[in-house]
Amino acid sequence: MGWYRQAPGKERELVASITSGGSTNYADSVKARFTISRDNAKNTMY
């Protein structure tokens, strides 16, 4: 799963992603500020 964002006049970009096992990846611009997580039992990502 992943979070993307699109600002006015910009292309859509990947912000953060997370695998089913919980491995995460972040765009440099949001590292140390954003945290991605998921609750597989609830089928929900944060």
All heavy atoms as atom14 arrays in JSON, in Angstrom:
{
  "sequence": "MGWYRQAPGKERELVASITSGGSTNYADSVKARFTISRDNAKNTMY",
  "atom14_mask": [
    [1, 1, 1, 1, 1, 1, 1, 1, 0, 0, 0, 0, 0, 0],
    [1, 1, 1, 1, 0, 0, 0, 0, 0, 0, 0, 0, 0, 0],
    [1, 1, 1, 1, 1, 1, 1, 1, 1, 1, 1, 1, 1, 1],
    [1, 1, 1, 1, 1, 1, 1, 1, 1, 1, 1, 1, 0, 0],
    [1, 1, 1, 1, 1, 1, 1, 1, 1, 1, 1, 0, 0, 0],
    [1, 1, 1, 1, 1, 1, 1, 1, 1, 0, 0, 0, 0, 0],
    [1, 1, 1, 1, 1, 0, 0, 0, 0, 0, 0, 0, 0, 0],
    [1, 1, 1, 1, 1, 1, 1, 0, 0, 0, 0, 0, 0, 0],
    [1, 1, 1, 1, 0, 0, 0, 0, 0, 0, 0, 0, 0, 0],
    [1, 1, 1, 1, 1, 1, 1, 1, 1, 0, 0, 0, 0, 0],
    [1, 1, 1, 1, 1, 1, 1, 1, 1, 0, 0, 0, 0, 0],
    [1, 1, 1, 1, 1, 1, 1, 1, 1, 1, 1, 0, 0, 0],
    [1, 1, 1, 1, 1, 1, 1, 1, 1, 0, 0, 0, 0, 0],
    [1, 1, 1, 1, 1, 1, 1, 1, 0, 0, 0, 0, 0, 0],
    [1, 1, 1, 1, 1, 1, 1, 0, 0, 0, 0, 0, 0, 0],
    [1, 1, 1, 1, 1, 0, 0, 0, 0, 0, 0, 0, 0, 0],
    [1, 1, 1, 1, 1, 1, 0, 0, 0, 0, 0, 0, 0, 0],
    [1, 1, 1, 1, 1, 1, 1, 1, 0, 0, 0, 0, 0, 0],
    [1, 1, 1, 1, 1, 1, 1, 0, 0, 0, 0, 0, 0, 0],
    [1, 1, 1, 1, 1, 1, 0, 0, 0, 0, 0, 0, 0, 0],
    [1, 1, 1, 1, 0, 0, 0, 0, 0, 0, 0, 0, 0, 0],
    [1, 1, 1, 1, 0, 0, 0, 0, 0, 0, 0, 0, 0, 0],
    [1, 1, 1, 1, 1, 1, 0, 0, 0, 0, 0, 0, 0, 0],
    [1, 1, 1, 1, 1, 1, 1, 0, 0, 0, 0, 0, 0, 0],
    [1, 1, 1, 1, 1, 1, 1, 1, 0, 0, 0, 0, 0, 0],
    [1, 1, 1, 1, 1, 1, 1, 1, 1, 1, 1, 1, 0, 0],
    [1, 1, 1, 1, 1, 0, 0, 0, 0, 0, 0, 0, 0, 0],
    [1, 1, 1, 1, 1, 1, 1, 1, 0, 0, 0, 0, 0, 0],
    [1, 1, 1, 1, 1, 1, 0, 0, 0, 0, 0, 0, 0, 0],
    [1, 1, 1, 1, 1, 1, 1, 0, 0, 0, 0, 0, 0, 0],
    [1, 1, 1, 1, 1, 1, 1, 1, 1, 0, 0, 0, 0, 0],
    [1, 1, 1, 1, 1, 0, 0, 0, 0, 0, 0, 0, 0, 0],
    [1, 1, 1, 1, 1, 1, 1, 1, 1, 1, 1, 0, 0, 0],
    [1, 1, 1, 1, 1, 1, 1, 1, 1, 1, 1, 0, 0, 0],
    [1, 1, 1, 1, 1, 1, 1, 0, 0, 0, 0, 0, 0, 0],
    [1, 1, 1, 1, 1, 1, 1, 1, 0, 0, 0, 0, 0, 0],
    [1, 1, 1, 1, 1, 1, 0, 0, 0, 0, 0, 0, 0, 0],
    [1, 1, 1, 1, 1, 1, 1, 1, 1, 1, 1, 0, 0, 0],
    [1, 1, 1, 1, 1, 1, 1, 1, 0, 0, 0, 0, 0, 0],
    [1, 1, 1, 1, 1, 1, 1, 1, 0, 0, 0, 0, 0, 0],
    [1, 1, 1, 1, 1, 0, 0, 0, 0, 0, 0, 0, 0, 0],
    [1, 1, 1, 1, 1, 1, 1, 1, 1, 0, 0, 0, 0, 0],
    [1, 1, 1, 1, 1, 1, 1, 1, 0, 0, 0, 0, 0, 0],
    [1, 1, 1, 1, 1, 1, 1, 0, 0, 0, 0, 0, 0, 0],
    [1, 1, 1, 1, 1, 1, 1, 1, 0, 0, 0, 0, 0, 0],
    [1, 1, 1, 1, 1, 1, 1, 1, 1, 1, 1, 1, 0, 0]
  ],
  "atom14_positions": [
    [[0.85, -1.17, 0.0], [0.0, 0.0, 0.0], [0.9, 1.23, 0.0], [2.07, 1.17, 0.4], [-0.91, 0.04, 1.22], [-1.79, -1.18, 1.39], [-2.91, -1.06, 2.81], [-4.14, 0.09, 2.17], [0.0, 0.0, 0.0], [0.0, 0.0, 0.0], [0.0, 0.0, 0.0], [0.0, 0.0, 0.0], [0.0, 0.0, 0.0], [0.0, 0.0, 0.0]],
    [[0.34, 2.35, -0.43], [1.13, 3.56, -0.45], [0.28, 4.81, -0.42], [-0.9, 4.79, -0.76], [0.0, 0.0, 0.0], [0.0, 0.0, 0.0], [0.0, 0.0, 0.0], [0.0, 0.0, 0.0], [0.0, 0.0, 0.0], [0.0, 0.0, 0.0], [0.0, 0.0, 0.0], [0.0, 0.0, 0.0], [0.0, 0.0, 0.0], [0.0, 0.0, 0.0]],
    [[0.92, 5.89, 0.03], [0.33, 7.21, -0.02], [1.02, 8.01, -1.1], [2.25, 8.07, -1.15], [0.47, 7.95, 1.31], [-0.42, 7.43, 2.4], [-0.08, 6.58, 3.41], [-1.79, 7.77, 2.59], [-1.16, 6.36, 4.22], [-2.23, 7.07, 3.73], [-2.7, 8.58, 1.9], [-3.54, 7.17, 4.21], [-3.99, 8.66, 2.37], [-4.4, 7.97, 3.51]],
    [[0.24, 8.64, -1.95], [0.71, 9.54, -2.99], [0.11, 10.91, -2.74], [-0.89, 11.05, -2.04], [0.29, 9.05, -4.38], [0.98, 7.78, -4.84], [0.66, 6.55, -4.3], [1.94, 7.83, -5.86], [1.28, 5.39, -4.73], [2.55, 6.67, -6.3], [2.23, 5.46, -5.74], [2.84, 4.32, -6.18], [0.0, 0.0, 0.0], [0.0, 0.0, 0.0]],
    [[0.71, 11.92, -3.34], [0.13, 13.25, -3.26], [0.33, 13.99, -4.57], [1.26, 13.71, -5.32], [0.71, 14.06, -2.1], [2.18, 14.44, -2.25], [2.68, 15.11, -0.99], [4.08, 15.53, -1.11], [4.8, 16.0, -0.1], [4.26, 16.13, 1.11], [6.06, 16.36, -0.3], [0.0, 0.0, 0.0], [0.0, 0.0, 0.0], [0.0, 0.0, 0.0]],
    [[-0.56, 14.92, -4.82], [-0.47, 15.74, -6.01], [-0.78, 17.19, -5.64], [-1.89, 17.49, -5.2], [-1.43, 15.25, -7.09], [-1.25, 15.95, -8.43], [-1.92, 15.21, -9.57], [-2.81, 14.39, -9.36], [-1.49, 15.49, -10.78], [0.0, 0.0, 0.0], [0.0, 0.0, 0.0], [0.0, 0.0, 0.0], [0.0, 0.0, 0.0], [0.0, 0.0, 0.0]],
    [[0.21, 18.04, -5.8], [0.06, 19.46, -5.54], [-0.34, 20.18, -6.82], [-0.13, 19.67, -7.92], [1.37, 20.04, -5.0], [0.0, 0.0, 0.0], [0.0, 0.0, 0.0], [0.0, 0.0, 0.0], [0.0, 0.0, 0.0], [0.0, 0.0, 0.0], [0.0, 0.0, 0.0], [0.0, 0.0, 0.0], [0.0, 0.0, 0.0], [0.0, 0.0, 0.0]],
    [[-0.93, 21.38, -6.7], [-1.31, 22.12, -7.9], [-0.13, 22.32, -8.84], [0.94, 22.76, -8.42], [-1.8, 23.45, -7.34], [-2.28, 23.13, -5.96], [-1.32, 22.08, -5.47], [0.0, 0.0, 0.0], [0.0, 0.0, 0.0], [0.0, 0.0, 0.0], [0.0, 0.0, 0.0], [0.0, 0.0, 0.0], [0.0, 0.0, 0.0], [0.0, 0.0, 0.0]],
    [[-0.33, 21.99, -10.1], [0.71, 22.16, -11.1], [1.81, 21.13, -11.06], [2.78, 21.25, -11.83], [0.0, 0.0, 0.0], [0.0, 0.0, 0.0], [0.0, 0.0, 0.0], [0.0, 0.0, 0.0], [0.0, 0.0, 0.0], [0.0, 0.0, 0.0], [0.0, 0.0, 0.0], [0.0, 0.0, 0.0], [0.0, 0.0, 0.0], [0.0, 0.0, 0.0]],
    [[1.69, 20.13, -10.21], [2.71, 19.1, -10.07], [2.17, 17.73, -10.46], [0.96, 17.51, -10.47], [3.24, 19.05, -8.63], [3.82, 20.34, -8.12], [5.15, 20.65, -8.76], [5.8, 21.86, -8.1], [7.14, 22.15, -8.68], [0.0, 0.0, 0.0], [0.0, 0.0, 0.0], [0.0, 0.0, 0.0], [0.0, 0.0, 0.0], [0.0, 0.0, 0.0]],
    [[3.08, 16.83, -10.76], [2.69, 15.45, -11.01], [2.51, 14.71, -9.7], [3.06, 15.08, -8.67], [3.75, 14.74, -11.86], [3.87, 15.27, -13.28], [4.76, 14.41, -14.15], [5.44, 13.52, -13.62], [4.76, 14.62, -15.37], [0.0, 0.0, 0.0], [0.0, 0.0, 0.0], [0.0, 0.0, 0.0], [0.0, 0.0, 0.0], [0.0, 0.0, 0.0]],
    [[1.72, 13.66, -9.75], [1.51, 12.85, -8.57], [2.81, 12.16, -8.18], [3.53, 11.63, -9.04], [0.41, 11.81, -8.84], [-0.03, 11.05, -7.6], [-1.25, 10.17, -7.89], [-2.39, 10.96, -8.31], [-3.61, 10.48, -8.51], [-3.85, 9.18, -8.32], [-4.58, 11.27, -8.91], [0.0, 0.0, 0.0], [0.0, 0.0, 0.0], [0.0, 0.0, 0.0]],
    [[3.13, 12.16, -6.89], [4.37, 11.58, -6.42], [4.11, 10.63, -5.25], [3.18, 10.81, -4.47], [5.35, 12.67, -5.98], [4.88, 13.49, -4.79], [5.91, 14.49, -4.29], [7.09, 14.39, -4.71], [5.55, 15.37, -3.48], [0.0, 0.0, 0.0], [0.0, 0.0, 0.0], [0.0, 0.0, 0.0], [0.0, 0.0, 0.0], [0.0, 0.0, 0.0]],
    [[4.98, 9.65, -5.13], [4.91, 8.71, -4.02], [5.46, 9.37, -2.76], [6.57, 9.88, -2.76], [5.69, 7.44, -4.34], [5.75, 6.39, -3.24], [4.37, 5.82, -2.95], [6.71, 5.27, -3.62], [0.0, 0.0, 0.0], [0.0, 0.0, 0.0], [0.0, 0.0, 0.0], [0.0, 0.0, 0.0], [0.0, 0.0, 0.0], [0.0, 0.0, 0.0]],
    [[4.68, 9.33, -1.7], [5.08, 9.88, -0.41], [5.69, 8.8, 0.48], [6.76, 8.98, 1.06], [3.89, 10.54, 0.31], [4.29, 11.05, 1.69], [3.34, 11.69, -0.54], [0.0, 0.0, 0.0], [0.0, 0.0, 0.0], [0.0, 0.0, 0.0], [0.0, 0.0, 0.0], [0.0, 0.0, 0.0], [0.0, 0.0, 0.0], [0.0, 0.0, 0.0]],
    [[4.99, 7.7, 0.6], [5.44, 6.6, 1.45], [4.75, 5.32, 1.02], [3.63, 5.35, 0.51], [5.16, 6.89, 2.92], [0.0, 0.0, 0.0], [0.0, 0.0, 0.0], [0.0, 0.0, 0.0], [0.0, 0.0, 0.0], [0.0, 0.0, 0.0], [0.0, 0.0, 0.0], [0.0, 0.0, 0.0], [0.0, 0.0, 0.0], [0.0, 0.0, 0.0]],
    [[5.4, 4.21, 1.24], [4.82, 2.91, 0.92], [5.1, 1.93, 2.04], [6.03, 2.12, 2.84], [5.36, 2.38, -0.41], [6.75, 2.15, -0.34], [0.0, 0.0, 0.0], [0.0, 0.0, 0.0], [0.0, 0.0, 0.0], [0.0, 0.0, 0.0], [0.0, 0.0, 0.0], [0.0, 0.0, 0.0], [0.0, 0.0, 0.0], [0.0, 0.0, 0.0]],
    [[4.3, 0.89, 2.08], [4.46, -0.13, 3.11], [4.04, -1.48, 2.54], [3.01, -1.6, 1.88], [3.66, 0.23, 4.38], [3.91, -0.78, 5.5], [2.17, 0.37, 4.07], [3.41, -0.31, 6.85], [0.0, 0.0, 0.0], [0.0, 0.0, 0.0], [0.0, 0.0, 0.0], [0.0, 0.0, 0.0], [0.0, 0.0, 0.0], [0.0, 0.0, 0.0]],
    [[4.84, -2.5, 2.77], [4.52, -3.83, 2.29], [3.58, -4.52, 3.26], [3.32, -4.04, 4.36], [5.79, -4.68, 2.12], [6.35, -4.94, 3.42], [6.82, -3.96, 1.26], [0.0, 0.0, 0.0], [0.0, 0.0, 0.0], [0.0, 0.0, 0.0], [0.0, 0.0, 0.0], [0.0, 0.0, 0.0], [0.0, 0.0, 0.0], [0.0, 0.0, 0.0]],
    [[3.08, -5.67, 2.85], [2.2, -6.43, 3.73], [2.9, -6.86, 5.0], [2.25, -7.05, 6.04], [1.65, -7.66, 2.99], [2.7, -8.52, 2.57], [0.0, 0.0, 0.0], [0.0, 0.0, 0.0], [0.0, 0.0, 0.0], [0.0, 0.0, 0.0], [0.0, 0.0, 0.0], [0.0, 0.0, 0.0], [0.0, 0.0, 0.0], [0.0, 0.0, 0.0]],
    [[4.22, -6.99, 4.94], [5.0, -7.37, 6.11], [5.45, -6.2, 6.98], [6.07, -6.42, 8.02], [0.0, 0.0, 0.0], [0.0, 0.0, 0.0], [0.0, 0.0, 0.0], [0.0, 0.0, 0.0], [0.0, 0.0, 0.0], [0.0, 0.0, 0.0], [0.0, 0.0, 0.0], [0.0, 0.0, 0.0], [0.0, 0.0, 0.0], [0.0, 0.0, 0.0]],
    [[5.17, -4.97, 6.54], [5.48, -3.81, 7.35], [6.75, -3.07, 6.98], [7.12, -2.11, 7.67], [0.0, 0.0, 0.0], [0.0, 0.0, 0.0], [0.0, 0.0, 0.0], [0.0, 0.0, 0.0], [0.0, 0.0, 0.0], [0.0, 0.0, 0.0], [0.0, 0.0, 0.0], [0.0, 0.0, 0.0], [0.0, 0.0, 0.0], [0.0, 0.0, 0.0]],
    [[7.41, -3.46, 5.91], [8.6, -2.73, 5.46], [8.17, -1.41, 4.82], [7.25, -1.38, 4.01], [9.38, -3.58, 4.46], [10.52, -2.89, 4.01], [0.0, 0.0, 0.0], [0.0, 0.0, 0.0], [0.0, 0.0, 0.0], [0.0, 0.0, 0.0], [0.0, 0.0, 0.0], [0.0, 0.0, 0.0], [0.0, 0.0, 0.0], [0.0, 0.0, 0.0]],
    [[8.85, -0.32, 5.18], [8.44, 1.01, 4.74], [9.49, 1.7, 3.9], [10.67, 1.39, 3.96], [8.1, 1.9, 5.94], [9.27, 2.03, 6.77], [6.98, 1.3, 6.77], [0.0, 0.0, 0.0], [0.0, 0.0, 0.0], [0.0, 0.0, 0.0], [0.0, 0.0, 0.0], [0.0, 0.0, 0.0], [0.0, 0.0, 0.0], [0.0, 0.0, 0.0]],
    [[9.02, 2.68, 3.12], [9.88, 3.5, 2.3], [9.27, 4.89, 2.25], [8.05, 5.03, 2.2], [10.01, 2.91, 0.9], [11.24, 3.39, 0.17], [11.95, 4.27, 0.64], [11.5, 2.82, -0.99], [0.0, 0.0, 0.0], [0.0, 0.0, 0.0], [0.0, 0.0, 0.0], [0.0, 0.0, 0.0], [0.0, 0.0, 0.0], [0.0, 0.0, 0.0]],
    [[10.13, 5.93, 2.25], [9.66, 7.31, 2.28], [10.37, 8.16, 1.26], [11.55, 7.96, 0.96], [9.9, 7.94, 3.65], [9.17, 7.28, 4.79], [9.75, 6.25, 5.51], [7.9, 7.71, 5.15], [9.09, 5.65, 6.56], [7.22, 7.11, 6.2], [7.81, 6.09, 6.9], [7.14, 5.5, 7.94], [0.0, 0.0, 0.0], [0.0, 0.0, 0.0]],
    [[9.65, 9.14, 0.74], [10.29, 10.16, -0.07], [11.22, 10.98, 0.82], [10.94, 11.19, 2.01], [9.24, 11.07, -0.7], [0.0, 0.0, 0.0], [0.0, 0.0, 0.0], [0.0, 0.0, 0.0], [0.0, 0.0, 0.0], [0.0, 0.0, 0.0], [0.0, 0.0, 0.0], [0.0, 0.0, 0.0], [0.0, 0.0, 0.0], [0.0, 0.0, 0.0]],
    [[12.32, 11.45, 0.25], [13.28, 12.22, 1.04], [12.64, 13.45, 1.69], [13.02, 13.84, 2.8], [14.45, 12.66, 0.16], [15.37, 11.52, -0.22], [15.33, 10.47, 0.46], [16.14, 11.68, -1.18], [0.0, 0.0, 0.0], [0.0, 0.0, 0.0], [0.0, 0.0, 0.0], [0.0, 0.0, 0.0], [0.0, 0.0, 0.0], [0.0, 0.0, 0.0]],
    [[11.68, 14.04, 1.03], [11.08, 15.27, 1.53], [10.25, 15.09, 2.8], [9.96, 16.07, 3.49], [10.2, 15.9, 0.44], [9.17, 15.01, 0.05], [0.0, 0.0, 0.0], [0.0, 0.0, 0.0], [0.0, 0.0, 0.0], [0.0, 0.0, 0.0], [0.0, 0.0, 0.0], [0.0, 0.0, 0.0], [0.0, 0.0, 0.0], [0.0, 0.0, 0.0]],
    [[9.88, 13.84, 3.13], [9.03, 13.61, 4.29], [9.69, 12.74, 5.35], [9.09, 12.52, 6.42], [7.67, 13.0, 3.9], [6.99, 13.85, 2.83], [7.84, 11.56, 3.42], [0.0, 0.0, 0.0], [0.0, 0.0, 0.0], [0.0, 0.0, 0.0], [0.0, 0.0, 0.0], [0.0, 0.0, 0.0], [0.0, 0.0, 0.0], [0.0, 0.0, 0.0]],
    [[10.88, 12.26, 5.09], [11.58, 11.43, 6.07], [11.74, 12.17, 7.39], [12.01, 13.36, 7.41], [12.94, 11.01, 5.54], [12.89, 9.92, 4.48], [14.28, 9.54, 4.01], [14.22, 8.46, 2.95], [15.56, 8.14, 2.41], [0.0, 0.0, 0.0], [0.0, 0.0, 0.0], [0.0, 0.0, 0.0], [0.0, 0.0, 0.0], [0.0, 0.0, 0.0]],
    [[11.56, 11.46, 8.48], [11.67, 11.98, 9.84], [10.47, 12.82, 10.25], [10.38, 13.24, 11.41], [12.95, 12.77, 10.05], [0.0, 0.0, 0.0], [0.0, 0.0, 0.0], [0.0, 0.0, 0.0], [0.0, 0.0, 0.0], [0.0, 0.0, 0.0], [0.0, 0.0, 0.0], [0.0, 0.0, 0.0], [0.0, 0.0, 0.0], [0.0, 0.0, 0.0]],
    [[9.55, 13.07, 9.33], [8.35, 13.84, 9.67], [7.07, 13.02, 9.55], [6.13, 13.21, 10.32], [8.23, 15.07, 8.77], [9.38, 16.05, 8.92], [9.08, 17.36, 8.19], [8.91, 17.17, 6.74], [7.79, 17.46, 6.07], [6.74, 17.97, 6.71], [7.73, 17.26, 4.76], [0.0, 0.0, 0.0], [0.0, 0.0, 0.0], [0.0, 0.0, 0.0]],
    [[7.03, 12.12, 8.57], [5.84, 11.3, 8.32], [6.12, 9.85, 8.73], [7.25, 9.36, 8.61], [5.46, 11.32, 6.84], [4.94, 12.63, 6.32], [4.99, 13.79, 7.07], [4.38, 12.68, 5.05], [4.52, 15.0, 6.58], [3.89, 13.88, 4.55], [3.96, 15.04, 5.31], [0.0, 0.0, 0.0], [0.0, 0.0, 0.0], [0.0, 0.0, 0.0]],
    [[5.07, 9.17, 9.16], [5.17, 7.75, 9.49], [3.99, 7.01, 8.89], [2.84, 7.35, 9.15], [5.19, 7.52, 11.01], [6.29, 8.24, 11.59], [5.35, 6.04, 11.32], [0.0, 0.0, 0.0], [0.0, 0.0, 0.0], [0.0, 0.0, 0.0], [0.0, 0.0, 0.0], [0.0, 0.0, 0.0], [0.0, 0.0, 0.0], [0.0, 0.0, 0.0]],
    [[4.29, 6.0, 8.08], [3.25, 5.18, 7.49], [3.1, 3.9, 8.3], [4.09, 3.35, 8.81], [3.57, 4.86, 6.01], [2.39, 4.18, 5.32], [4.84, 4.03, 5.88], [2.56, 4.04, 3.81], [0.0, 0.0, 0.0], [0.0, 0.0, 0.0], [0.0, 0.0, 0.0], [0.0, 0.0, 0.0], [0.0, 0.0, 0.0], [0.0, 0.0, 0.0]],
    [[1.88, 3.44, 8.46], [1.62, 2.22, 9.2], [0.36, 1.56, 8.65], [-0.37, 2.16, 7.86], [1.48, 2.5, 10.71], [0.38, 3.36, 10.95], [0.0, 0.0, 0.0], [0.0, 0.0, 0.0], [0.0, 0.0, 0.0], [0.0, 0.0, 0.0], [0.0, 0.0, 0.0], [0.0, 0.0, 0.0], [0.0, 0.0, 0.0], [0.0, 0.0, 0.0]],
    [[0.13, 0.33, 9.07], [-1.08, -0.36, 8.62], [-1.55, -1.32, 9.7], [-0.77, -1.82, 10.51], [-0.84, -1.11, 7.3], [0.19, -2.23, 7.39], [0.59, -2.72, 6.0], [-0.47, -3.46, 5.34], [-0.46, -3.82, 4.06], [0.57, -3.48, 3.29], [-1.47, -4.51, 3.56], [0.0, 0.0, 0.0], [0.0, 0.0, 0.0], [0.0, 0.0, 0.0]],
    [[-2.84, -1.58, 9.68], [-3.46, -2.55, 10.55], [-4.14, -3.56, 9.64], [-5.23, -3.3, 9.12], [-4.46, -1.87, 11.49], [-5.05, -2.82, 12.52], [-5.07, -4.04, 12.27], [-5.49, -2.34, 13.57], [0.0, 0.0, 0.0], [0.0, 0.0, 0.0], [0.0, 0.0, 0.0], [0.0, 0.0, 0.0], [0.0, 0.0, 0.0], [0.0, 0.0, 0.0]],
    [[-3.5, -4.68, 9.43], [-4.01, -5.65, 8.48], [-5.35, -6.25, 8.92], [-6.18, -6.61, 8.08], [-2.98, -6.77, 8.26], [-1.77, -6.28, 7.5], [-1.85, -5.35, 6.71], [-0.63, -6.93, 7.72], [0.0, 0.0, 0.0], [0.0, 0.0, 0.0], [0.0, 0.0, 0.0], [0.0, 0.0, 0.0], [0.0, 0.0, 0.0], [0.0, 0.0, 0.0]],
    [[-5.55, -6.37, 10.22], [-6.82, -6.9, 10.72], [-7.98, -5.98, 10.38], [-9.12, -6.44, 10.23], [-6.74, -7.13, 12.22], [0.0, 0.0, 0.0], [0.0, 0.0, 0.0], [0.0, 0.0, 0.0], [0.0, 0.0, 0.0], [0.0, 0.0, 0.0], [0.0, 0.0, 0.0], [0.0, 0.0, 0.0], [0.0, 0.0, 0.0], [0.0, 0.0, 0.0]],
    [[-7.72, -4.68, 10.27], [-8.75, -3.7, 9.96], [-8.74, -3.27, 8.5], [-9.55, -2.44, 8.1], [-8.6, -2.47, 10.85], [-8.79, -2.73, 12.32], [-8.63, -1.45, 13.13], [-8.85, -1.69, 14.61], [-8.68, -0.45, 15.4], [0.0, 0.0, 0.0], [0.0, 0.0, 0.0], [0.0, 0.0, 0.0], [0.0, 0.0, 0.0], [0.0, 0.0, 0.0]],
    [[-7.8, -3.79, 7.71], [-7.63, -3.38, 6.32], [-7.52, -1.86, 6.2], [-8.15, -1.24, 5.34], [-8.78, -3.9, 5.45], [-8.7, -5.4, 5.22], [-7.62, -5.98, 5.22], [-9.85, -6.02, 5.02], [0.0, 0.0, 0.0], [0.0, 0.0, 0.0], [0.0, 0.0, 0.0], [0.0, 0.0, 0.0], [0.0, 0.0, 0.0], [0.0, 0.0, 0.0]],
    [[-6.72, -1.29, 7.07], [-6.59, 0.15, 7.15], [-5.12, 0.56, 7.17], [-4.29, -0.1, 7.8], [-7.29, 0.71, 8.39], [-8.68, 0.34, 8.35], [-7.2, 2.22, 8.44], [0.0, 0.0, 0.0], [0.0, 0.0, 0.0], [0.0, 0.0, 0.0], [0.0, 0.0, 0.0], [0.0, 0.0, 0.0], [0.0, 0.0, 0.0], [0.0, 0.0, 0.0]],
    [[-4.82, 1.65, 6.48], [-3.48, 2.22, 6.44], [-3.54, 3.64, 6.97], [-4.55, 4.33, 6.8], [-2.95, 2.21, 5.01], [-1.59, 2.87, 4.83], [-1.0, 2.8, 3.11], [-2.21, 3.83, 2.27], [0.0, 0.0, 0.0], [0.0, 0.0, 0.0], [0.0, 0.0, 0.0], [0.0, 0.0, 0.0], [0.0, 0.0, 0.0], [0.0, 0.0, 0.0]],
    [[-2.45, 4.09, 7.59], [-2.4, 5.41, 8.19], [-1.15, 6.16, 7.72], [-0.14, 5.56, 7.36], [-2.36, 5.32, 9.71], [-3.48, 4.5, 10.31], [-3.3, 3.15, 10.6], [-4.71, 5.08, 10.57], [-4.33, 2.4, 11.14], [-5.74, 4.33, 11.11], [-5.54, 3.0, 11.39], [-6.57, 2.25, 11.93], [0.0, 0.0, 0.0], [0.0, 0.0, 0.0]]
  ]
}
